[in-house]
Amino acid sequence: MTLSAGSVAPDFTAKDTNGNTVKLSDFKGKTVVLYFYPKDDTPGCTKEAQGFRDSYPEFQGKDIVVLGVSMDDEASHKQFAEKYGLPFQLVADVDGAITKAYDVEGGGYAKRVTYIIDSEGNIAKVFDTVNTASHAKDVLESVS
């Protein structure tokens, strides 16, 4: 069962695509789209990431941070981001701690779930059913 809207979003510290440390608390005051996905460079995950890439200027225009999370390592994230020109950070959850904290553990991978976290650090909305082709637009509509 995923975390529900109204819950406090669990803070985390992890490395991103470029080996930089990322903390959820660093984005306090901003809306964060925290999207979990199973695996870098697989068909559904690629389609979902490309949707966020293509809509990224709209997210930036609303001052929204997009973070993708999977249990892949930094090197895998870097290859995936470079291959598809992803402009947002991918968070490497190699030990599965973030995936577990957000209750999206799917047996060695993250389930496809997206959390919208408000500027106060609370979960505002949960997408636990995702259409990879339209997800970024669906998220944008929900935060408008």
C-alpha atoms as a PDB file:
ATOM      1  CA  MET A   1       0.000   0.000   0.000  1.00  0.00           C
ATOM      2  CA  THR A   2       1.551   3.306  -1.073  1.00  0.00           C
ATOM      3  CA  LEU A   3       1.736   6.287   1.249  1.00  0.00           C
ATOM      4  CA  SER A   4      -1.363   8.449   1.142  1.00  0.00           C
ATOM      5  CA  ALA A   5      -1.990  12.098   0.408  1.00  0.00           C
ATOM      6  CA  GLY A   6      -1.676  14.167   3.562  1.00  0.00           C
ATOM      7  CA  SER A   7       1.252  12.098   4.894  1.00  0.00           C
ATOM      8  CA  VAL A   8       4.636  13.660   5.520  1.00  0.00           C
ATOM      9  CA  ALA A   9       6.998  12.676   2.703  1.00  0.00           C
ATOM     10  CA  PRO A  10       9.929  10.670   4.095  1.00  0.00           C
ATOM     11  CA  ASP A  11      13.171  12.594   3.723  1.00  0.00           C
ATOM     12  CA  PHE A  12      16.065  10.825   2.036  1.00  0.00           C
ATOM     13  CA  THR A  13      19.686  11.338   1.087  1.00  0.00           C
ATOM     14  CA  ALA A  14      21.096   9.620  -2.007  1.00  0.00           C
ATOM     15  CA  LYS A  15      23.318  10.186  -5.022  1.00  0.00           C
ATOM     16  CA  ASP A  16      22.049  11.451  -8.357  1.00  0.00           C
ATOM     17  CA  THR A  17      23.069  10.838 -11.962  1.00  0.00           C
ATOM     18  CA  ASN A  18      26.299  12.811 -11.518  1.00  0.00           C
ATOM     19  CA  GLY A  19      27.250  11.532  -8.065  1.00  0.00           C
ATOM     20  CA  ASN A  20      25.911  14.622  -6.295  1.00  0.00           C
ATOM     21  CA  THR A  21      24.133  14.206  -2.972  1.00  0.00           C
ATOM     22  CA  VAL A  22      20.383  14.816  -3.180  1.00  0.00           C
ATOM     23  CA  LYS A  23      18.143  15.330  -0.142  1.00  0.00           C
ATOM     24  CA  LEU A  24      14.409  15.775  -0.392  1.00  0.00           C
ATOM     25  CA  SER A  25      14.664  18.453   2.313  1.00  0.00           C
ATOM     26  CA  ASP A  26      16.856  20.515  -0.063  1.00  0.00           C
ATOM     27  CA  PHE A  27      13.689  21.252  -2.053  1.00  0.00           C
ATOM     28  CA  LYS A  28      11.573  22.558   0.820  1.00  0.00           C
ATOM     29  CA  GLY A  29       9.533  25.484  -0.473  1.00  0.00           C
ATOM     30  CA  LYS A  30       9.107  23.869  -3.909  1.00  0.00           C
ATOM     31  CA  THR A  31       6.716  21.303  -5.300  1.00  0.00           C
ATOM     32  CA  VAL A  32       8.496  18.023  -6.054  1.00  0.00           C
ATOM     33  CA  VAL A  33       7.392  15.342  -8.501  1.00  0.00           C
ATOM     34  CA  LEU A  34       9.008  12.190  -7.110  1.00  0.00           C
ATOM     35  CA  TYR A  35       8.447   9.451  -9.645  1.00  0.00           C
ATOM     36  CA  PHE A  36       9.509   5.875  -9.021  1.00  0.00           C
ATOM     37  CA  TYR A  37      10.144   3.540 -11.937  1.00  0.00           C
ATOM     38  CA  PRO A  38      11.383  -0.059 -12.224  1.00  0.00           C
ATOM     39  CA  LYS A  39      14.479   0.032 -14.465  1.00  0.00           C
ATOM     40  CA  ASP A  40      16.615   2.339 -16.582  1.00  0.00           C
ATOM     41  CA  ASP A  41      16.415   1.951 -20.362  1.00  0.00           C
ATOM     42  CA  THR A  42      13.409  -0.380 -20.513  1.00  0.00           C
ATOM     43  CA  PRO A  43      10.500   0.428 -22.854  1.00  0.00           C
ATOM     44  CA  GLY A  44       7.916   1.716 -20.342  1.00  0.00           C
ATOM     45  CA  CYS A  45      10.457   3.515 -18.185  1.00  0.00           C
ATOM     46  CA  THR A  46      12.005   5.156 -21.240  1.00  0.00           C
ATOM     47  CA  LYS A  47       8.594   6.333 -22.495  1.00  0.00           C
ATOM     48  CA  GLU A  48       7.778   7.771 -19.050  1.00  0.00           C
ATOM     49  CA  ALA A  49      11.165   9.527 -18.760  1.00  0.00           C
ATOM     50  CA  GLN A  50      10.837  10.969 -22.273  1.00  0.00           C
ATOM     51  CA  GLY A  51       7.433  12.393 -21.308  1.00  0.00           C
ATOM     52  CA  PHE A  52       8.986  14.195 -18.343  1.00  0.00           C
ATOM     53  CA  ARG A  53      11.860  15.337 -20.573  1.00  0.00           C
ATOM     54  CA  ASP A  54       9.513  16.710 -23.221  1.00  0.00           C
ATOM     55  CA  SER A  55       7.365  18.495 -20.600  1.00  0.00           C
ATOM     56  CA  TYR A  56      10.316  19.661 -18.509  1.00  0.00           C
ATOM     57  CA  PRO A  57      10.108  23.347 -19.558  1.00  0.00           C
ATOM     58  CA  GLU A  58       6.500  23.398 -18.330  1.00  0.00           C
ATOM     59  CA  PHE A  59       7.537  21.935 -14.971  1.00  0.00           C
ATOM     60  CA  GLN A  60      10.319  24.511 -14.686  1.00  0.00           C
ATOM     61  CA  GLY A  61       7.860  27.274 -15.582  1.00  0.00           C
ATOM     62  CA  LYS A  62       5.813  26.245 -12.534  1.00  0.00           C
ATOM     63  CA  ASP A  63       8.967  25.992 -10.367  1.00  0.00           C
ATOM     64  CA  ILE A  64       8.451  22.235  -9.945  1.00  0.00           C
ATOM     65  CA  VAL A  65      11.358  19.862  -9.311  1.00  0.00           C
ATOM     66  CA  VAL A  66      11.247  16.485 -11.091  1.00  0.00           C
ATOM     67  CA  LEU A  67      13.155  13.582  -9.532  1.00  0.00           C
ATOM     68  CA  GLY A  68      13.166  10.067 -10.984  1.00  0.00           C
ATOM     69  CA  VAL A  69      13.997   7.213  -8.605  1.00  0.00           C
ATOM     70  CA  SER A  70      14.906   3.609  -9.328  1.00  0.00           C
ATOM     71  CA  MET A  71      17.163   1.039  -7.718  1.00  0.00           C
ATOM     72  CA  ASP A  72      19.691   1.353 -10.553  1.00  0.00           C
ATOM     73  CA  ASP A  73      23.147   2.737  -9.722  1.00  0.00           C
ATOM     74  CA  GLU A  74      24.636   6.093 -10.694  1.00  0.00           C
ATOM     75  CA  ALA A  75      26.445   4.698 -13.758  1.00  0.00           C
ATOM     76  CA  SER A  76      23.222   3.216 -15.123  1.00  0.00           C
ATOM     77  CA  HIS A  77      21.377   6.485 -14.460  1.00  0.00           C
ATOM     78  CA  LYS A  78      24.108   8.469 -16.180  1.00  0.00           C
ATOM     79  CA  GLN A  79      23.940   6.279 -19.317  1.00  0.00           C
ATOM     80  CA  PHE A  80      20.130   6.451 -19.349  1.00  0.00           C
ATOM     81  CA  ALA A  81      20.083  10.240 -18.895  1.00  0.00           C
ATOM     82  CA  GLU A  82      22.725  10.818 -21.574  1.00  0.00           C
ATOM     83  CA  LYS A  83      21.132   8.413 -24.066  1.00  0.00           C
ATOM     84  CA  TYR A  84      17.751  10.170 -23.866  1.00  0.00           C
ATOM     85  CA  GLY A  85      18.814  13.721 -22.968  1.00  0.00           C
ATOM     86  CA  LEU A  86      17.045  13.724 -19.607  1.00  0.00           C
ATOM     87  CA  PRO A  87      17.376  17.201 -18.035  1.00  0.00           C
ATOM     88  CA  PHE A  88      16.196  16.242 -14.516  1.00  0.00           C
ATOM     89  CA  GLN A  89      17.934  14.349 -11.732  1.00  0.00           C
ATOM     90  CA  LEU A  90      17.703  10.582 -11.423  1.00  0.00           C
ATOM     91  CA  VAL A  91      18.203   9.342  -7.870  1.00  0.00           C
ATOM     92  CA  ALA A  92      20.134   6.103  -7.318  1.00  0.00           C
ATOM     93  CA  ASP A  93      18.350   4.066  -4.645  1.00  0.00           C
ATOM     94  CA  VAL A  94      20.785   1.156  -4.802  1.00  0.00           C
ATOM     95  CA  ASP A  95      20.025  -0.140  -1.303  1.00  0.00           C
ATOM     96  CA  GLY A  96      16.264   0.279  -1.773  1.00  0.00           C
ATOM     97  CA  ALA A  97      15.890   2.504   1.302  1.00  0.00           C
ATOM     98  CA  ILE A  98      13.889   5.221  -0.500  1.00  0.00           C
ATOM     99  CA  THR A  99      11.757   2.651  -2.302  1.00  0.00           C
ATOM    100  CA  LYS A 100      10.940   0.997   1.045  1.00  0.00           C
ATOM    101  CA  ALA A 101      10.299   4.328   2.815  1.00  0.00           C
ATOM    102  CA  TYR A 102       7.735   5.235   0.139  1.00  0.00           C
ATOM    103  CA  ASP A 103       6.260   1.721   0.197  1.00  0.00           C
ATOM    104  CA  VAL A 104       6.804   1.059  -3.498  1.00  0.00           C
ATOM    105  CA  GLU A 105       9.135  -1.950  -3.228  1.00  0.00           C
ATOM    106  CA  GLY A 106       8.247  -4.471  -5.893  1.00  0.00           C
ATOM    107  CA  GLY A 107      10.617  -7.361  -5.239  1.00  0.00           C
ATOM    108  CA  GLY A 108      14.015  -5.975  -6.204  1.00  0.00           C
ATOM    109  CA  TYR A 109      12.739  -2.977  -8.132  1.00  0.00           C
ATOM    110  CA  ALA A 110      10.598   0.112  -7.546  1.00  0.00           C
ATOM    111  CA  LYS A 111       6.940  -0.040  -8.540  1.00  0.00           C
ATOM    112  CA  ARG A 112       5.762   2.656 -10.945  1.00  0.00           C
ATOM    113  CA  VAL A 113       4.283   5.222  -8.532  1.00  0.00           C
ATOM    114  CA  THR A 114       4.511   9.026  -8.493  1.00  0.00           C
ATOM    115  CA  TYR A 115       4.204  11.291  -5.476  1.00  0.00           C
ATOM    116  CA  ILE A 116       3.513  15.013  -5.705  1.00  0.00           C
ATOM    117  CA  ILE A 117       5.117  16.589  -2.637  1.00  0.00           C
ATOM    118  CA  ASP A 118       4.046  20.095  -1.685  1.00  0.00           C
ATOM    119  CA  SER A 119       6.287  22.967  -0.593  1.00  0.00           C
ATOM    120  CA  GLU A 120       5.866  21.958   3.074  1.00  0.00           C
ATOM    121  CA  GLY A 121       7.115  18.404   2.473  1.00  0.00           C
ATOM    122  CA  ASN A 122       3.712  16.708   2.564  1.00  0.00           C
ATOM    123  CA  ILE A 123       2.361  14.290  -0.010  1.00  0.00           C
ATOM    124  CA  ALA A 124      -0.307  16.185  -1.947  1.00  0.00           C
ATOM    125  CA  LYS A 125      -1.206  13.514  -4.514  1.00  0.00           C
ATOM    126  CA  VAL A 126      -0.339   9.917  -5.354  1.00  0.00           C
ATOM    127  CA  PHE A 127      -0.427   8.346  -8.809  1.00  0.00           C
ATOM    128  CA  ASP A 128      -0.397   4.585  -8.306  1.00  0.00           C
ATOM    129  CA  THR A 129      -1.796   3.850 -11.757  1.00  0.00           C
ATOM    130  CA  VAL A 130       0.438   5.278 -14.455  1.00  0.00           C
ATOM    131  CA  ASN A 131       0.032   5.459 -18.226  1.00  0.00           C
ATOM    132  CA  THR A 132       3.684   5.866 -19.263  1.00  0.00           C
ATOM    133  CA  ALA A 133       2.759   7.622 -22.520  1.00  0.00           C
ATOM    134  CA  SER A 134       0.724  10.402 -20.889  1.00  0.00           C
ATOM    135  CA  HIS A 135       1.981  10.446 -17.308  1.00  0.00           C
ATOM    136  CA  ALA A 136       3.980  13.684 -17.429  1.00  0.00           C
ATOM    137  CA  LYS A 137       0.969  15.530 -18.883  1.00  0.00           C
ATOM    138  CA  ASP A 138      -1.330  13.905 -16.303  1.00  0.00           C
ATOM    139  CA  VAL A 139       0.975  15.145 -13.532  1.00  0.00           C
ATOM    140  CA  LEU A 140       1.123  18.642 -15.025  1.00  0.00           C
ATOM    141  CA  GLU A 141      -2.667  18.817 -15.157  1.00  0.00           C
ATOM    142  CA  SER A 142      -2.896  17.793 -11.501  1.00  0.00           C
ATOM    143  CA  VAL A 143      -0.564  20.559 -10.332  1.00  0.00           C
ATOM    144  CA  SER A 144      -2.107  23.343 -12.424  1.00  0.00           C
END
